[in-house]
Amino acid sequence: MAHVAFAHPFCRTLSGIAVDSGLAAGATVHNGGTYVCMEGPQFSTLAESNLYRSWGASIIGMTNLQEAKLAREAEICYTTIALVTDYDCWHPDHDAVTVDLIIANLTQNARTAQQIIAGAVDRLPYERNCECASALKFALITRPDTVPMATRKDLAPLVAKYLG
């Protein structure tokens, strides 16, 4: 069993690379913010939207939290490039979002994302020095001598270097 630190869910190094790549691609970039993860696919009610705004939320999505946790537990660097498809219903001009609007924005976002990702790949460091690379180092709770060999074998790609 492991308890992985998760105060800062995104890799700082990878996030910086994504910001630089987004700027180079000509995208409007906001570095930082608070992400609200909601069950989807669905839109927020006006009450929910106003609640999220009162919390200081910057963006709402449906997948980020689960992905970020799994990546950290696997010592994989993770960040988010959140390309907005629509305002939430709090915006006076966007209370009736249509699928056509979302698809049009999604299509443009796909082109922008391709540019950002291609630029980010070119900026990746050869070796990782971030905290993600060793997230499990001090997270394992189970004593190594009590881990059965079959479990060691199954988990070897993730924890072999820590079980000795």
C-alpha atoms as a PDB file:
ATOM      1  CA  MET A   1       0.000   0.000   0.000  1.00  0.00           C
ATOM      2  CA  ALA A   2       1.144   3.537  -0.738  1.00  0.00           C
ATOM      3  CA  HIS A   3       0.072   7.026   0.183  1.00  0.00           C
ATOM      4  CA  VAL A   4       1.338   9.388  -2.528  1.00  0.00           C
ATOM      5  CA  ALA A   5       1.617  13.122  -1.855  1.00  0.00           C
ATOM      6  CA  PHE A   6      -0.824  15.032  -4.030  1.00  0.00           C
ATOM      7  CA  ALA A   7      -0.844  18.646  -2.797  1.00  0.00           C
ATOM      8  CA  HIS A   8       0.373  19.807  -6.211  1.00  0.00           C
ATOM      9  CA  PRO A   9      -1.215  17.456  -8.755  1.00  0.00           C
ATOM     10  CA  PHE A  10       0.598  18.751 -11.831  1.00  0.00           C
ATOM     11  CA  CYS A  11       4.280  18.371 -12.676  1.00  0.00           C
ATOM     12  CA  ARG A  12       5.800  21.838 -12.404  1.00  0.00           C
ATOM     13  CA  THR A  13       8.367  21.100 -15.108  1.00  0.00           C
ATOM     14  CA  LEU A  14       5.839  19.737 -17.584  1.00  0.00           C
ATOM     15  CA  SER A  15       3.405  22.556 -16.798  1.00  0.00           C
ATOM     16  CA  GLY A  16       6.088  25.147 -17.586  1.00  0.00           C
ATOM     17  CA  ILE A  17       6.829  23.394 -20.866  1.00  0.00           C
ATOM     18  CA  ALA A  18       3.125  23.393 -21.750  1.00  0.00           C
ATOM     19  CA  VAL A  19       2.813  27.116 -20.991  1.00  0.00           C
ATOM     20  CA  ASP A  20       5.846  27.962 -23.136  1.00  0.00           C
ATOM     21  CA  SER A  21       4.572  25.780 -25.961  1.00  0.00           C
ATOM     22  CA  GLY A  22       1.089  27.307 -25.757  1.00  0.00           C
ATOM     23  CA  LEU A  23       2.494  30.807 -25.967  1.00  0.00           C
ATOM     24  CA  ALA A  24       4.694  29.802 -28.915  1.00  0.00           C
ATOM     25  CA  ALA A  25       1.601  28.399 -30.666  1.00  0.00           C
ATOM     26  CA  GLY A  26      -0.170  31.743 -30.230  1.00  0.00           C
ATOM     27  CA  ALA A  27      -2.766  30.421 -27.796  1.00  0.00           C
ATOM     28  CA  THR A  28      -4.224  32.501 -24.980  1.00  0.00           C
ATOM     29  CA  VAL A  29      -2.594  30.946 -21.928  1.00  0.00           C
ATOM     30  CA  HIS A  30      -3.568  31.101 -18.263  1.00  0.00           C
ATOM     31  CA  ASN A  31      -0.905  29.588 -16.031  1.00  0.00           C
ATOM     32  CA  GLY A  32      -2.426  28.172 -12.859  1.00  0.00           C
ATOM     33  CA  GLY A  33      -5.919  28.241 -11.502  1.00  0.00           C
ATOM     34  CA  THR A  34      -8.318  25.862  -9.828  1.00  0.00           C
ATOM     35  CA  TYR A  35      -9.914  22.950 -11.659  1.00  0.00           C
ATOM     36  CA  VAL A  36     -13.293  21.577 -10.568  1.00  0.00           C
ATOM     37  CA  CYS A  37     -13.831  17.956 -11.549  1.00  0.00           C
ATOM     38  CA  MET A  38     -17.472  17.030 -12.013  1.00  0.00           C
ATOM     39  CA  GLU A  39     -19.232  13.899 -13.123  1.00  0.00           C
ATOM     40  CA  GLY A  40     -20.091  14.003 -16.778  1.00  0.00           C
ATOM     41  CA  PRO A  41     -20.943  14.275 -19.470  1.00  0.00           C
ATOM     42  CA  GLN A  42     -23.281  17.037 -18.422  1.00  0.00           C
ATOM     43  CA  PHE A  43     -23.484  20.775 -18.042  1.00  0.00           C
ATOM     44  CA  SER A  44     -23.692  22.552 -14.705  1.00  0.00           C
ATOM     45  CA  THR A  45     -26.885  24.062 -13.424  1.00  0.00           C
ATOM     46  CA  LEU A  46     -26.769  27.819 -12.869  1.00  0.00           C
ATOM     47  CA  ALA A  47     -26.641  27.191  -9.095  1.00  0.00           C
ATOM     48  CA  GLU A  48     -23.675  24.826  -9.473  1.00  0.00           C
ATOM     49  CA  SER A  49     -21.908  27.215 -11.798  1.00  0.00           C
ATOM     50  CA  ASN A  50     -22.306  30.109  -9.367  1.00  0.00           C
ATOM     51  CA  LEU A  51     -21.091  27.892  -6.508  1.00  0.00           C
ATOM     52  CA  TYR A  52     -17.925  26.940  -8.428  1.00  0.00           C
ATOM     53  CA  ARG A  53     -17.287  30.596  -9.235  1.00  0.00           C
ATOM     54  CA  SER A  54     -17.740  31.539  -5.553  1.00  0.00           C
ATOM     55  CA  TRP A  55     -15.059  28.964  -4.716  1.00  0.00           C
ATOM     56  CA  GLY A  56     -12.676  30.697  -7.112  1.00  0.00           C
ATOM     57  CA  ALA A  57     -12.728  27.881  -9.656  1.00  0.00           C
ATOM     58  CA  SER A  58     -11.111  28.682 -12.977  1.00  0.00           C
ATOM     59  CA  ILE A  59     -12.292  25.799 -15.121  1.00  0.00           C
ATOM     60  CA  ILE A  60     -14.652  22.843 -14.926  1.00  0.00           C
ATOM     61  CA  GLY A  61     -13.969  19.453 -16.474  1.00  0.00           C
ATOM     62  CA  MET A  62     -14.725  15.776 -16.120  1.00  0.00           C
ATOM     63  CA  THR A  63     -11.481  13.802 -16.193  1.00  0.00           C
ATOM     64  CA  ASN A  64      -8.505  15.633 -14.749  1.00  0.00           C
ATOM     65  CA  LEU A  65      -8.606  14.491 -11.147  1.00  0.00           C
ATOM     66  CA  GLN A  66      -8.611  10.761 -11.802  1.00  0.00           C
ATOM     67  CA  GLU A  67      -5.908  11.030 -14.468  1.00  0.00           C
ATOM     68  CA  ALA A  68      -3.657  13.189 -12.307  1.00  0.00           C
ATOM     69  CA  LYS A  69      -3.871  10.798  -9.347  1.00  0.00           C
ATOM     70  CA  LEU A  70      -3.136   7.711 -11.436  1.00  0.00           C
ATOM     71  CA  ALA A  71      -0.209   9.422 -13.145  1.00  0.00           C
ATOM     72  CA  ARG A  72       1.330  10.484  -9.827  1.00  0.00           C
ATOM     73  CA  GLU A  73       0.967   6.984  -8.399  1.00  0.00           C
ATOM     74  CA  ALA A  74       2.782   5.639 -11.476  1.00  0.00           C
ATOM     75  CA  GLU A  75       5.462   8.368 -11.241  1.00  0.00           C
ATOM     76  CA  ILE A  76       4.383   9.782 -14.601  1.00  0.00           C
ATOM     77  CA  CYS A  77       4.693  13.517 -15.159  1.00  0.00           C
ATOM     78  CA  TYR A  78       1.265  15.025 -15.765  1.00  0.00           C
ATOM     79  CA  THR A  79      -0.157  18.403 -16.630  1.00  0.00           C
ATOM     80  CA  THR A  80      -3.261  19.742 -18.263  1.00  0.00           C
ATOM     81  CA  ILE A  81      -3.774  21.686 -21.421  1.00  0.00           C
ATOM     82  CA  ALA A  82      -7.404  22.703 -20.986  1.00  0.00           C
ATOM     83  CA  LEU A  83      -8.822  24.126 -24.184  1.00  0.00           C
ATOM     84  CA  VAL A  84     -12.202  25.672 -23.475  1.00  0.00           C
ATOM     85  CA  THR A  85     -15.200  24.729 -25.593  1.00  0.00           C
ATOM     86  CA  ASP A  86     -17.777  26.934 -23.891  1.00  0.00           C
ATOM     87  CA  TYR A  87     -18.465  29.213 -20.983  1.00  0.00           C
ATOM     88  CA  ASP A  88     -20.516  27.735 -18.223  1.00  0.00           C
ATOM     89  CA  CYS A  89     -24.088  28.943 -17.872  1.00  0.00           C
ATOM     90  CA  TRP A  90     -23.103  31.776 -15.480  1.00  0.00           C
ATOM     91  CA  HIS A  91     -22.065  33.884 -18.503  1.00  0.00           C
ATOM     92  CA  PRO A  92     -25.054  35.959 -19.705  1.00  0.00           C
ATOM     93  CA  ASP A  93     -24.324  35.207 -23.373  1.00  0.00           C
ATOM     94  CA  HIS A  94     -23.762  31.489 -22.864  1.00  0.00           C
ATOM     95  CA  ASP A  95     -26.698  30.140 -20.881  1.00  0.00           C
ATOM     96  CA  ALA A  96     -27.908  28.029 -23.803  1.00  0.00           C
ATOM     97  CA  VAL A  97     -24.819  26.261 -25.084  1.00  0.00           C
ATOM     98  CA  THR A  98     -25.421  24.266 -28.239  1.00  0.00           C
ATOM     99  CA  VAL A  99     -23.684  21.137 -29.456  1.00  0.00           C
ATOM    100  CA  ASP A 100     -22.852  22.970 -32.719  1.00  0.00           C
ATOM    101  CA  LEU A 101     -20.948  25.647 -30.775  1.00  0.00           C
ATOM    102  CA  ILE A 102     -19.076  23.052 -28.752  1.00  0.00           C
ATOM    103  CA  ILE A 103     -18.128  21.009 -31.857  1.00  0.00           C
ATOM    104  CA  ALA A 104     -16.889  24.112 -33.706  1.00  0.00           C
ATOM    105  CA  ASN A 105     -14.742  25.129 -30.729  1.00  0.00           C
ATOM    106  CA  LEU A 106     -13.581  21.544 -30.230  1.00  0.00           C
ATOM    107  CA  THR A 107     -12.428  21.324 -33.850  1.00  0.00           C
ATOM    108  CA  GLN A 108     -10.370  24.521 -33.521  1.00  0.00           C
ATOM    109  CA  ASN A 109      -9.043  23.365 -30.156  1.00  0.00           C
ATOM    110  CA  ALA A 110      -7.843  20.091 -31.701  1.00  0.00           C
ATOM    111  CA  ARG A 111      -5.659  22.030 -34.143  1.00  0.00           C
ATOM    112  CA  THR A 112      -4.310  24.225 -31.345  1.00  0.00           C
ATOM    113  CA  ALA A 113      -3.651  21.193 -29.121  1.00  0.00           C
ATOM    114  CA  GLN A 114      -1.657  19.506 -31.882  1.00  0.00           C
ATOM    115  CA  GLN A 115       0.579  22.573 -32.162  1.00  0.00           C
ATOM    116  CA  ILE A 116       1.028  22.844 -28.395  1.00  0.00           C
ATOM    117  CA  ILE A 117       1.828  19.157 -27.935  1.00  0.00           C
ATOM    118  CA  ALA A 118       4.289  19.109 -30.844  1.00  0.00           C
ATOM    119  CA  GLY A 119       6.054  22.129 -29.365  1.00  0.00           C
ATOM    120  CA  ALA A 120       6.039  20.604 -25.886  1.00  0.00           C
ATOM    121  CA  VAL A 121       7.625  17.362 -27.104  1.00  0.00           C
ATOM    122  CA  ASP A 122      10.503  19.378 -28.555  1.00  0.00           C
ATOM    123  CA  ARG A 123      11.032  21.019 -25.140  1.00  0.00           C
ATOM    124  CA  LEU A 124      11.019  17.882 -22.961  1.00  0.00           C
ATOM    125  CA  PRO A 125      14.179  17.344 -20.926  1.00  0.00           C
ATOM    126  CA  TYR A 126      16.195  14.205 -21.541  1.00  0.00           C
ATOM    127  CA  GLU A 127      16.169  13.320 -17.821  1.00  0.00           C
ATOM    128  CA  ARG A 128      13.533  14.098 -15.222  1.00  0.00           C
ATOM    129  CA  ASN A 129      14.459  15.990 -12.063  1.00  0.00           C
ATOM    130  CA  CYS A 130      10.906  16.643 -10.900  1.00  0.00           C
ATOM    131  CA  GLU A 131       9.161  15.247  -7.828  1.00  0.00           C
ATOM    132  CA  CYS A 132       6.956  13.075 -10.067  1.00  0.00           C
ATOM    133  CA  ALA A 133       9.929  10.889 -10.954  1.00  0.00           C
ATOM    134  CA  SER A 134      10.176   9.628  -7.372  1.00  0.00           C
ATOM    135  CA  ALA A 135       6.634  10.096  -6.037  1.00  0.00           C
ATOM    136  CA  LEU A 136       6.597   6.589  -4.538  1.00  0.00           C
ATOM    137  CA  LYS A 137       9.977   6.865  -2.830  1.00  0.00           C
ATOM    138  CA  PHE A 138       8.532   7.871   0.545  1.00  0.00           C
ATOM    139  CA  ALA A 139       4.945   6.786  -0.117  1.00  0.00           C
ATOM    140  CA  LEU A 140       5.123   3.023   0.409  1.00  0.00           C
ATOM    141  CA  ILE A 141       3.505   2.030   3.674  1.00  0.00           C
ATOM    142  CA  THR A 142       3.813  -1.750   3.477  1.00  0.00           C
ATOM    143  CA  ARG A 143       7.121  -3.091   4.794  1.00  0.00           C
ATOM    144  CA  PRO A 144       9.125  -4.469   1.847  1.00  0.00           C
ATOM    145  CA  ASP A 145       9.805  -7.793   3.608  1.00  0.00           C
ATOM    146  CA  THR A 146       6.056  -8.481   3.816  1.00  0.00           C
ATOM    147  CA  VAL A 147       5.329  -8.048   0.104  1.00  0.00           C
ATOM    148  CA  PRO A 148       4.766 -11.470  -1.515  1.00  0.00           C
ATOM    149  CA  MET A 149       6.992 -12.351  -4.466  1.00  0.00           C
ATOM    150  CA  ALA A 150       4.034 -12.553  -6.851  1.00  0.00           C
ATOM    151  CA  THR A 151       3.011  -9.023  -5.874  1.00  0.00           C
ATOM    152  CA  ARG A 152       6.596  -7.795  -6.229  1.00  0.00           C
ATOM    153  CA  LYS A 153       6.664  -9.237  -9.740  1.00  0.00           C
ATOM    154  CA  ASP A 154       3.313  -7.652 -10.684  1.00  0.00           C
ATOM    155  CA  LEU A 155       4.328  -4.250  -9.325  1.00  0.00           C
ATOM    156  CA  ALA A 156       7.979  -4.384 -10.429  1.00  0.00           C
ATOM    157  CA  PRO A 157       7.653  -1.689 -13.116  1.00  0.00           C
ATOM    158  CA  LEU A 158       6.475   0.765 -10.471  1.00  0.00           C
ATOM    159  CA  VAL A 159       8.125  -0.183  -7.185  1.00  0.00           C
ATOM    160  CA  ALA A 160      11.055  -2.564  -7.779  1.00  0.00           C
ATOM    161  CA  LYS A 161      13.571   0.222  -7.161  1.00  0.00           C
ATOM    162  CA  TYR A 162      12.021   0.869  -3.750  1.00  0.00           C
ATOM    163  CA  LEU A 163      11.515  -2.696  -2.528  1.00  0.00           C
ATOM    164  CA  GLY A 164      15.188  -3.567  -2.761  1.00  0.00           C
END
